[in-house]
Structures are given as structure tokens and as C-alpha cells.
């Protein structure tokens, strides 16, 4: 079983700062792409899956590494 990478606070801060720079520049496309590199909290991923479905969760494009670490590999298909 592969283990999901848990992003450090430093990594999350660096991504957040990069995203904010894009937002300040008015570059909302790159802001959105960058901010979605941050892990979606597992409780939100679980709620989106439950209420909107796996397809919507995947379409949103968020980093799901923390949800995978918490719920296990293959949690989307269960």
C-alpha cells in the first residue's frame, strides 16, 4: 500500500503565499490552480463525496492526499 504524502505546514504556507501573489496580480486562474494544491481537509472531502458524489469531488480538483491518508487508499470507491 502506498502512503500519501502529508504536506508540511511550511509547504502549505509556501503554496498559500504563491496563490495570494497570483490573486494580487488578478490572475485568478493560476490562483485557483495553486490553491487547490493544498490538501482538502478529510472531513470536507468526505462531506463532498457523501452529498455531491465522487465525480464532483474529483472534478473540483483539490489535493486529496490527507483524505487518502486518513481513510485509506481506495476510499473514493467505497
C-alpha atoms as a PDB file:
ATOM      1  CA  UNK A   1       0.000   0.000   0.000  1.00  0.00           C
ATOM      2  CA  UNK A   2       1.412   3.411  -0.927  1.00  0.00           C
ATOM      3  CA  UNK A   3       1.477   6.078   1.716  1.00  0.00           C
ATOM      4  CA  UNK A   4       0.111   9.515   0.870  1.00  0.00           C
ATOM      5  CA  UNK A   5       2.425  12.459   1.348  1.00  0.00           C
ATOM      6  CA  UNK A   6       1.331  14.640   4.225  1.00  0.00           C
ATOM      7  CA  UNK A   7       2.197  18.208   3.351  1.00  0.00           C
ATOM      8  CA  UNK A   8       4.120  20.124   5.995  1.00  0.00           C
ATOM      9  CA  UNK A   9       2.925  23.473   7.293  1.00  0.00           C
ATOM     10  CA  UNK A  10       5.907  25.075   5.563  1.00  0.00           C
ATOM     11  CA  UNK A  11       4.866  23.558   2.232  1.00  0.00           C
ATOM     12  CA  UNK A  12       1.288  24.700   2.763  1.00  0.00           C
ATOM     13  CA  UNK A  13       2.445  28.224   3.654  1.00  0.00           C
ATOM     14  CA  UNK A  14       4.612  28.434   0.530  1.00  0.00           C
ATOM     15  CA  UNK A  15       1.713  27.357  -1.693  1.00  0.00           C
ATOM     16  CA  UNK A  16      -0.630  29.797   0.040  1.00  0.00           C
ATOM     17  CA  UNK A  17       1.789  32.699  -0.465  1.00  0.00           C
ATOM     18  CA  UNK A  18       2.248  31.809  -4.124  1.00  0.00           C
ATOM     19  CA  UNK A  19      -1.534  31.659  -4.584  1.00  0.00           C
ATOM     20  CA  UNK A  20      -2.002  35.019  -2.873  1.00  0.00           C
ATOM     21  CA  UNK A  21       0.541  36.586  -5.215  1.00  0.00           C
ATOM     22  CA  UNK A  22      -1.461  35.348  -8.199  1.00  0.00           C
ATOM     23  CA  UNK A  23      -4.626  36.747  -6.635  1.00  0.00           C
ATOM     24  CA  UNK A  24      -2.988  40.142  -6.005  1.00  0.00           C
ATOM     25  CA  UNK A  25      -1.968  40.217  -9.678  1.00  0.00           C
ATOM     26  CA  UNK A  26      -5.553  39.490 -10.690  1.00  0.00           C
ATOM     27  CA  UNK A  27      -4.543  36.118 -12.112  1.00  0.00           C
ATOM     28  CA  UNK A  28      -7.484  34.136 -10.767  1.00  0.00           C
ATOM     29  CA  UNK A  29      -6.923  31.072 -12.959  1.00  0.00           C
ATOM     30  CA  UNK A  30      -3.426  30.497 -11.555  1.00  0.00           C
ATOM     31  CA  UNK A  31      -4.687  31.409  -8.075  1.00  0.00           C
ATOM     32  CA  UNK A  32      -7.305  28.648  -8.260  1.00  0.00           C
ATOM     33  CA  UNK A  33      -4.878  26.079  -9.686  1.00  0.00           C
ATOM     34  CA  UNK A  34      -2.342  26.875  -6.986  1.00  0.00           C
ATOM     35  CA  UNK A  35      -4.702  26.991  -4.003  1.00  0.00           C
ATOM     36  CA  UNK A  36      -6.119  23.594  -4.998  1.00  0.00           C
ATOM     37  CA  UNK A  37      -2.664  22.104  -4.447  1.00  0.00           C
ATOM     38  CA  UNK A  38      -3.393  22.436  -0.731  1.00  0.00           C
ATOM     39  CA  UNK A  39      -4.902  19.321   0.809  1.00  0.00           C
ATOM     40  CA  UNK A  40      -8.648  19.426   1.241  1.00  0.00           C
ATOM     41  CA  UNK A  41      -9.369  18.585   4.896  1.00  0.00           C
ATOM     42  CA  UNK A  42     -10.588  14.988   5.157  1.00  0.00           C
ATOM     43  CA  UNK A  43     -13.899  15.951   6.769  1.00  0.00           C
ATOM     44  CA  UNK A  44     -14.689  18.239   3.800  1.00  0.00           C
ATOM     45  CA  UNK A  45     -13.640  15.615   1.266  1.00  0.00           C
ATOM     46  CA  UNK A  46     -15.906  13.086   2.992  1.00  0.00           C
ATOM     47  CA  UNK A  47     -18.832  15.533   3.036  1.00  0.00           C
ATOM     48  CA  UNK A  48     -18.445  16.461  -0.641  1.00  0.00           C
ATOM     49  CA  UNK A  49     -18.267  12.761  -1.547  1.00  0.00           C
ATOM     50  CA  UNK A  50     -21.392  11.998   0.516  1.00  0.00           C
ATOM     51  CA  UNK A  51     -23.564  14.905  -0.619  1.00  0.00           C
ATOM     52  CA  UNK A  52     -22.317  15.589  -4.156  1.00  0.00           C
ATOM     53  CA  UNK A  53     -20.623  12.357  -5.241  1.00  0.00           C
ATOM     54  CA  UNK A  54     -17.186  11.163  -6.229  1.00  0.00           C
ATOM     55  CA  UNK A  55     -17.382  12.702  -9.698  1.00  0.00           C
ATOM     56  CA  UNK A  56     -17.962  16.184  -8.265  1.00  0.00           C
ATOM     57  CA  UNK A  57     -15.168  15.731  -5.736  1.00  0.00           C
ATOM     58  CA  UNK A  58     -12.722  14.731  -8.450  1.00  0.00           C
ATOM     59  CA  UNK A  59     -13.937  17.459 -10.812  1.00  0.00           C
ATOM     60  CA  UNK A  60     -13.203  20.074  -8.142  1.00  0.00           C
ATOM     61  CA  UNK A  61      -9.526  19.197  -8.485  1.00  0.00           C
ATOM     62  CA  UNK A  62      -8.411  19.522  -4.858  1.00  0.00           C
ATOM     63  CA  UNK A  63      -5.453  17.669  -3.399  1.00  0.00           C
ATOM     64  CA  UNK A  64      -6.970  14.650  -1.624  1.00  0.00           C
ATOM     65  CA  UNK A  65      -3.768  13.332  -0.011  1.00  0.00           C
ATOM     66  CA  UNK A  66      -4.885  13.952   3.575  1.00  0.00           C
ATOM     67  CA  UNK A  67      -8.220  12.224   2.974  1.00  0.00           C
ATOM     68  CA  UNK A  68      -6.379   9.263   1.472  1.00  0.00           C
ATOM     69  CA  UNK A  69      -4.032   9.166   4.456  1.00  0.00           C
ATOM     70  CA  UNK A  70      -6.969   9.234   6.882  1.00  0.00           C
ATOM     71  CA  UNK A  71      -9.432   6.976   5.063  1.00  0.00           C
ATOM     72  CA  UNK A  72      -7.010   4.701   3.188  1.00  0.00           C
ATOM     73  CA  UNK A  73      -6.205   4.053  -0.433  1.00  0.00           C
ATOM     74  CA  UNK A  74      -9.358   3.426  -2.429  1.00  0.00           C
ATOM     75  CA  UNK A  75     -11.645   5.368  -0.088  1.00  0.00           C
ATOM     76  CA  UNK A  76     -13.278   7.076  -3.054  1.00  0.00           C
ATOM     77  CA  UNK A  77     -14.633   3.787  -4.378  1.00  0.00           C
ATOM     78  CA  UNK A  78     -16.027   2.642  -1.017  1.00  0.00           C
END
